[in-house]
PDB file of N, CA and C in Angstrom:
ATOM      1  N   MET A   1      -5.514  -8.720  -6.500  1.00  0.00           N
ATOM      2  CA  MET A   1      -6.784  -8.261  -7.015  1.00  0.00           C
ATOM      3  C   MET A   1      -7.592  -9.432  -7.555  1.00  0.00           C
ATOM      4  N   GLU A   2      -6.963 -10.229  -8.397  1.00  0.00           N
ATOM      5  CA  GLU A   2      -7.685 -11.346  -9.001  1.00  0.00           C
ATOM      6  C   GLU A   2      -8.127 -12.357  -7.944  1.00  0.00           C
ATOM      7  N   THR A   3      -7.259 -12.635  -7.008  1.00  0.00           N
ATOM      8  CA  THR A   3      -7.585 -13.602  -5.957  1.00  0.00           C
ATOM      9  C   THR A   3      -8.698 -13.086  -5.062  1.00  0.00           C
ATOM     10  N   LEU A   4      -8.584 -11.830  -4.638  1.00  0.00           N
ATOM     11  CA  LEU A   4      -9.602 -11.272  -3.746  1.00  0.00           C
ATOM     12  C   LEU A   4     -10.959 -11.182  -4.425  1.00  0.00           C
ATOM     13  N   CYS A   5     -10.984 -10.740  -5.669  1.00  0.00           N
ATOM     14  CA  CYS A   5     -12.264 -10.631  -6.385  1.00  0.00           C
ATOM     15  C   CYS A   5     -12.859 -12.008  -6.650  1.00  0.00           C
ATOM     16  N   GLY A   6     -12.025 -12.962  -6.978  1.00  0.00           N
ATOM     17  CA  GLY A   6     -12.515 -14.312  -7.199  1.00  0.00           C
ATOM     18  C   GLY A   6     -13.115 -14.916  -5.936  1.00  0.00           C
ATOM     19  N   GLN A   7     -12.474 -14.691  -4.808  1.00  0.00           N
ATOM     20  CA  GLN A   7     -13.005 -15.211  -3.547  1.00  0.00           C
ATOM     21  C   GLN A   7     -14.306 -14.519  -3.167  1.00  0.00           C
ATOM     22  N   ALA A   8     -14.353 -13.204  -3.366  1.00  0.00           N
ATOM     23  CA  ALA A   8     -15.581 -12.474  -3.025  1.00  0.00           C
ATOM     24  C   ALA A   8     -16.732 -12.900  -3.923  1.00  0.00           C
ATOM     25  N   TYR A   9     -16.460 -13.115  -5.198  1.00  0.00           N
ATOM     26  CA  TYR A   9     -17.519 -13.548  -6.114  1.00  0.00           C
ATOM     27  C   TYR A   9     -17.985 -14.965  -5.774  1.00  0.00           C
ATOM     28  N   GLY A  10     -17.038 -15.841  -5.465  1.00  0.00           N
ATOM     29  CA  GLY A  10     -17.389 -17.221  -5.122  1.00  0.00           C
ATOM     30  C   GLY A  10     -18.180 -17.317  -3.831  1.00  0.00           C
ATOM     31  N   ALA A  11     -17.925 -16.426  -2.895  1.00  0.00           N
ATOM     32  CA  ALA A  11     -18.632 -16.423  -1.621  1.00  0.00           C
ATOM     33  C   ALA A  11     -19.915 -15.597  -1.678  1.00  0.00           C
ATOM     34  N   HIS A  12     -20.273 -15.107  -2.874  1.00  0.00           N
ATOM     35  CA  HIS A  12     -21.467 -14.295  -3.074  1.00  0.00           C
ATOM     36  C   HIS A  12     -21.458 -13.028  -2.215  1.00  0.00           C
ATOM     37  N   LYS A  13     -20.263 -12.486  -1.996  1.00  0.00           N
ATOM     38  CA  LYS A  13     -20.123 -11.221  -1.265  1.00  0.00           C
ATOM     39  C   LYS A  13     -19.855 -10.125  -2.288  1.00  0.00           C
ATOM     40  N   TYR A  14     -20.911  -9.745  -2.984  1.00  0.00           N
ATOM     41  CA  TYR A  14     -20.781  -8.803  -4.082  1.00  0.00           C
ATOM     42  C   TYR A  14     -20.439  -7.393  -3.596  1.00  0.00           C
ATOM     43  N   ASP A  15     -20.808  -7.082  -2.351  1.00  0.00           N
ATOM     44  CA  ASP A  15     -20.440  -5.777  -1.815  1.00  0.00           C
ATOM     45  C   ASP A  15     -18.925  -5.670  -1.638  1.00  0.00           C
ATOM     46  N   MET A  16     -18.295  -6.749  -1.179  1.00  0.00           N
ATOM     47  CA  MET A  16     -16.835  -6.746  -1.048  1.00  0.00           C
ATOM     48  C   MET A  16     -16.162  -6.725  -2.413  1.00  0.00           C
ATOM     49  N   LEU A  17     -16.781  -7.353  -3.391  1.00  0.00           N
ATOM     50  CA  LEU A  17     -16.250  -7.329  -4.750  1.00  0.00           C
ATOM     51  C   LEU A  17     -16.198  -5.896  -5.262  1.00  0.00           C
ATOM     52  N   GLY A  18     -17.234  -5.132  -5.007  1.00  0.00           N
ATOM     53  CA  GLY A  18     -17.255  -3.726  -5.407  1.00  0.00           C
ATOM     54  C   GLY A  18     -16.218  -2.904  -4.679  1.00  0.00           C
ATOM     55  N   ILE A  19     -16.038  -3.180  -3.398  1.00  0.00           N
ATOM     56  CA  ILE A  19     -15.034  -2.451  -2.615  1.00  0.00           C
ATOM     57  C   ILE A  19     -13.632  -2.751  -3.129  1.00  0.00           C
ATOM     58  N   TYR A  20     -13.344  -4.017  -3.395  1.00  0.00           N
ATOM     59  CA  TYR A  20     -12.027  -4.376  -3.934  1.00  0.00           C
ATOM     60  C   TYR A  20     -11.792  -3.715  -5.286  1.00  0.00           C
ATOM     61  N   LEU A  21     -12.814  -3.673  -6.102  1.00  0.00           N
ATOM     62  CA  LEU A  21     -12.690  -3.060  -7.421  1.00  0.00           C
ATOM     63  C   LEU A  21     -12.428  -1.561  -7.301  1.00  0.00           C
ATOM     64  N   GLN A  22     -13.154  -0.884  -6.441  1.00  0.00           N
ATOM     65  CA  GLN A  22     -12.961   0.551  -6.257  1.00  0.00           C
ATOM     66  C   GLN A  22     -11.562   0.856  -5.721  1.00  0.00           C
ATOM     67  N   ARG A  23     -11.113   0.086  -4.743  1.00  0.00           N
ATOM     68  CA  ARG A  23      -9.784   0.316  -4.181  1.00  0.00           C
ATOM     69  C   ARG A  23      -8.694   0.091  -5.217  1.00  0.00           C
ATOM     70  N   SER A  24      -8.845  -0.933  -6.019  1.00  0.00           N
ATOM     71  CA  SER A  24      -7.817  -1.215  -7.018  1.00  0.00           C
ATOM     72  C   SER A  24      -7.803  -0.152  -8.109  1.00  0.00           C
ATOM     73  N   VAL A  25      -8.958   0.365  -8.510  1.00  0.00           N
ATOM     74  CA  VAL A  25      -9.004   1.419  -9.527  1.00  0.00           C
ATOM     75  C   VAL A  25      -8.328   2.680  -8.990  1.00  0.00           C
ATOM     76  N   ILE A  26      -8.599   3.040  -7.760  1.00  0.00           N
ATOM     77  CA  ILE A  26      -7.973   4.224  -7.156  1.00  0.00           C
ATOM     78  C   ILE A  26      -6.465   4.047  -7.068  1.00  0.00           C
ATOM     79  N   LEU A  27      -6.025   2.895  -6.613  1.00  0.00           N
ATOM     80  CA  LEU A  27      -4.589   2.634  -6.481  1.00  0.00           C
ATOM     81  C   LEU A  27      -3.897   2.648  -7.838  1.00  0.00           C
ATOM     82  N   LEU A  28      -4.512   2.047  -8.841  1.00  0.00           N
ATOM     83  CA  LEU A  28      -3.905   2.029 -10.175  1.00  0.00           C
ATOM     84  C   LEU A  28      -3.883   3.412 -10.807  1.00  0.00           C
ATOM     85  N   CYS A  29      -4.908   4.215 -10.577  1.00  0.00           N
ATOM     86  CA  CYS A  29      -4.907   5.580 -11.114  1.00  0.00           C
ATOM     87  C   CYS A  29      -3.819   6.429 -10.468  1.00  0.00           C
ATOM     88  N   LEU A  30      -3.670   6.334  -9.160  1.00  0.00           N
ATOM     89  CA  LEU A  30      -2.619   7.089  -8.481  1.00  0.00           C
ATOM     90  C   LEU A  30      -1.231   6.651  -8.935  1.00  0.00           C
ATOM     91  N   THR A  31      -1.046   5.361  -9.093  1.00  0.00           N
ATOM     92  CA  THR A  31       0.229   4.854  -9.565  1.00  0.00           C
ATOM     93  C   THR A  31       0.504   5.305 -10.995  1.00  0.00           C
ATOM     94  N   GLY A  32      -0.511   5.291 -11.832  1.00  0.00           N
ATOM     95  CA  GLY A  32      -0.352   5.736 -13.211  1.00  0.00           C
ATOM     96  C   GLY A  32       0.000   7.209 -13.309  1.00  0.00           C
ATOM     97  N   ILE A  33      -0.622   8.031 -12.485  1.00  0.00           N
ATOM     98  CA  ILE A  33      -0.314   9.463 -12.488  1.00  0.00           C
ATOM     99  C   ILE A  33       1.120   9.698 -12.023  1.00  0.00           C
ATOM    100  N   LEU A  34       1.536   9.007 -10.974  1.00  0.00           N
ATOM    101  CA  LEU A  34       2.908   9.140 -10.484  1.00  0.00           C
ATOM    102  C   LEU A  34       3.918   8.725 -11.539  1.00  0.00           C
ATOM    103  N   LEU A  35       3.667   7.617 -12.218  1.00  0.00           N
ATOM    104  CA  LEU A  35       4.583   7.170 -13.271  1.00  0.00           C
ATOM    105  C   LEU A  35       4.591   8.121 -14.456  1.00  0.00           C
ATOM    106  N   ALA A  36       3.444   8.680 -14.809  1.00  0.00           N
ATOM    107  CA  ALA A  36       3.394   9.628 -15.924  1.00  0.00           C
ATOM    108  C   ALA A  36       4.223  10.873 -15.621  1.00  0.00           C
ATOM    109  N   VAL A  37       4.167  11.344 -14.388  1.00  0.00           N
ATOM    110  CA  VAL A  37       4.984  12.497 -14.001  1.00  0.00           C
ATOM    111  C   VAL A  37       6.467  12.138 -14.050  1.00  0.00           C
ATOM    112  N   MET A  38       6.808  10.969 -13.548  1.00  0.00           N
ATOM    113  CA  MET A  38       8.206  10.541 -13.607  1.00  0.00           C
ATOM    114  C   MET A  38       8.673  10.381 -15.044  1.00  0.00           C
ATOM    115  N   TYR A  39       7.840   9.849 -15.910  1.00  0.00           N
ATOM    116  CA  TYR A  39       8.189   9.696 -17.319  1.00  0.00           C
ATOM    117  C   TYR A  39       8.353  11.056 -17.985  1.00  0.00           C
ATOM    118  N   ALA A  40       7.491  12.013 -17.642  1.00  0.00           N
ATOM    119  CA  ALA A  40       7.559  13.337 -18.259  1.00  0.00           C
ATOM    120  C   ALA A  40       8.861  14.047 -17.902  1.00  0.00           C
ATOM    121  N   PHE A  41       9.360  13.803 -16.713  1.00  0.00           N
ATOM    122  CA  PHE A  41      10.610  14.435 -16.270  1.00  0.00           C
ATOM    123  C   PHE A  41      11.767  13.442 -16.256  1.00  0.00           C
ATOM    124  N   SER A  42      11.730  12.475 -17.143  1.00  0.00           N
ATOM    125  CA  SER A  42      12.761  11.430 -17.133  1.00  0.00           C
ATOM    126  C   SER A  42      14.140  11.954 -17.520  1.00  0.00           C
ATOM    127  N   GLU A  43      14.199  12.854 -18.477  1.00  0.00           N
ATOM    128  CA  GLU A  43      15.520  13.354 -18.895  1.00  0.00           C
ATOM    129  C   GLU A  43      16.229  14.102 -17.766  1.00  0.00           C
ATOM    130  N   PRO A  44      15.576  15.070 -17.089  1.00  0.00           N
ATOM    131  CA  PRO A  44      16.271  15.720 -15.968  1.00  0.00           C
ATOM    132  C   PRO A  44      16.608  14.754 -14.827  1.00  0.00           C
ATOM    133  N   LEU A  45      15.725  13.786 -14.590  1.00  0.00           N
ATOM    134  CA  LEU A  45      16.003  12.814 -13.534  1.00  0.00           C
ATOM    135  C   LEU A  45      17.218  11.954 -13.870  1.00  0.00           C
ATOM    136  N   LEU A  46      17.317  11.542 -15.109  1.00  0.00           N
ATOM    137  CA  LEU A  46      18.467  10.739 -15.522  1.00  0.00           C
ATOM    138  C   LEU A  46      19.756  11.550 -15.460  1.00  0.00           C
ATOM    139  N   LEU A  47      19.687  12.812 -15.869  1.00  0.00           N
ATOM    140  CA  LEU A  47      20.869  13.666 -15.785  1.00  0.00           C
ATOM    141  C   LEU A  47      21.271  13.905 -14.337  1.00  0.00           C
ATOM    142  N   LEU A  48      20.289  14.039 -13.469  1.00  0.00           N
ATOM    143  CA  LEU A  48      20.560  14.231 -12.042  1.00  0.00           C
ATOM    144  C   LEU A  48      21.254  13.004 -11.440  1.00  0.00           C
ATOM    145  N   MET A  49      20.931  11.822 -11.961  1.00  0.00           N
ATOM    146  CA  MET A  49      21.547  10.588 -11.461  1.00  0.00           C
ATOM    147  C   MET A  49      22.897  10.313 -12.105  1.00  0.00           C
ATOM    148  N   GLY A  50      23.349  11.205 -12.996  1.00  0.00           N
ATOM    149  CA  GLY A  50      24.684  11.065 -13.549  1.00  0.00           C
ATOM    150  C   GLY A  50      24.762  10.373 -14.886  1.00  0.00           C
ATOM    151  N   GLN A  51      23.650  10.215 -15.571  1.00  0.00           N
ATOM    152  CA  GLN A  51      23.642   9.575 -16.885  1.00  0.00           C
ATOM    153  C   GLN A  51      24.133  10.572 -17.933  1.00  0.00           C
ATOM    154  N   SER A  52      24.694  10.064 -19.014  1.00  0.00           N
ATOM    155  CA  SER A  52      25.194  10.957 -20.054  1.00  0.00           C
ATOM    156  C   SER A  52      24.027  11.625 -20.791  1.00  0.00           C
ATOM    157  N   GLN A  53      24.323  12.759 -21.424  1.00  0.00           N
ATOM    158  CA  GLN A  53      23.296  13.539 -22.113  1.00  0.00           C
ATOM    159  C   GLN A  53      22.646  12.751 -23.243  1.00  0.00           C
ATOM    160  N   GLU A  54      23.440  12.007 -24.021  1.00  0.00           N
ATOM    161  CA  GLU A  54      22.905  11.271 -25.161  1.00  0.00           C
ATOM    162  C   GLU A  54      21.963  10.157 -24.718  1.00  0.00           C
ATOM    163  N   ILE A  55      22.367   9.438 -23.696  1.00  0.00           N
ATOM    164  CA  ILE A  55      21.532   8.338 -23.198  1.00  0.00           C
ATOM    165  C   ILE A  55      20.255   8.884 -22.562  1.00  0.00           C
ATOM    166  N   ALA A  56      20.366   9.967 -21.813  1.00  0.00           N
ATOM    167  CA  ALA A  56      19.187  10.567 -21.184  1.00  0.00           C
ATOM    168  C   ALA A  56      18.204  11.052 -22.243  1.00  0.00           C
ATOM    169  N   ARG A  57      18.704  11.640 -23.321  1.00  0.00           N
ATOM    170  CA  ARG A  57      17.836  12.129 -24.398  1.00  0.00           C
ATOM    171  C   ARG A  57      17.122  10.959 -25.087  1.00  0.00           C
ATOM    172  N   ALA A  58      17.889   9.901 -25.413  1.00  0.00           N
ATOM    173  CA  ALA A  58      17.298   8.742 -26.091  1.00  0.00           C
ATOM    174  C   ALA A  58      16.276   8.036 -25.194  1.00  0.00           C
ATOM    175  N   ALA A  59      16.601   7.913 -23.929  1.00  0.00           N
ATOM    176  CA  ALA A  59      15.673   7.255 -23.008  1.00  0.00           C
ATOM    177  C   ALA A  59      14.399   8.078 -22.826  1.00  0.00           C
ATOM    178  N   SER A  60      14.529   9.390 -22.761  1.00  0.00           N
ATOM    179  CA  SER A  60      13.344  10.216 -22.581  1.00  0.00           C
ATOM    180  C   SER A  60      12.436  10.157 -23.810  1.00  0.00           C
ATOM    181  N   ILE A  61      13.017  10.085 -25.007  1.00  0.00           N
ATOM    182  CA  ILE A  61      12.189   9.957 -26.217  1.00  0.00           C
ATOM    183  C   ILE A  61      11.428   8.636 -26.190  1.00  0.00           C
ATOM    184  N   PHE A  62      12.085   7.570 -25.762  1.00  0.00           N
ATOM    185  CA  PHE A  62      11.413   6.268 -25.666  1.00  0.00           C
ATOM    186  C   PHE A  62      10.315   6.306 -24.604  1.00  0.00           C
ATOM    187  N   VAL A  63      10.605   6.882 -23.474  1.00  0.00           N
ATOM    188  CA  VAL A  63       9.663   6.880 -22.355  1.00  0.00           C
ATOM    189  C   VAL A  63       8.457   7.775 -22.649  1.00  0.00           C
ATOM    190  N   TYR A  64       8.623   8.827 -23.437  1.00  0.00           N
ATOM    191  CA  TYR A  64       7.481   9.679 -23.775  1.00  0.00           C
ATOM    192  C   TYR A  64       6.414   8.873 -24.506  1.00  0.00           C
ATOM    193  N   GLY A  65       6.802   7.867 -25.235  1.00  0.00           N
ATOM    194  CA  GLY A  65       5.829   7.013 -25.913  1.00  0.00           C
ATOM    195  C   GLY A  65       5.062   6.113 -24.967  1.00  0.00           C
ATOM    196  N   LEU A  66       5.569   5.919 -23.760  1.00  0.00           N
ATOM    197  CA  LEU A  66       4.888   5.062 -22.786  1.00  0.00           C
ATOM    198  C   LEU A  66       3.831   5.814 -21.983  1.00  0.00           C
ATOM    199  N   ILE A  67       3.845   7.126 -22.026  1.00  0.00           N
ATOM    200  CA  ILE A  67       2.912   7.915 -21.200  1.00  0.00           C
ATOM    201  C   ILE A  67       1.454   7.649 -21.556  1.00  0.00           C
ATOM    202  N   PRO A  68       1.066   7.639 -22.832  1.00  0.00           N
ATOM    203  CA  PRO A  68      -0.359   7.413 -23.111  1.00  0.00           C
ATOM    204  C   PRO A  68      -0.799   6.046 -22.630  1.00  0.00           C
TER     205      PRO A  68
END
């Protein structure tokens, strides 16, 4: 992102700069939503992978703080 935007700005291709910015915002929003869903269901996912109940509970409490 930084490299592409820097090159577009240096080459005075401001239209490409806008396109790169829009694409990166969309990609980051989709990634953030996916991670938030995974974080919200972290305890069942950890239990499904065979983690102990105590560790899954502690990890889910920690991960809930990362959602915002």
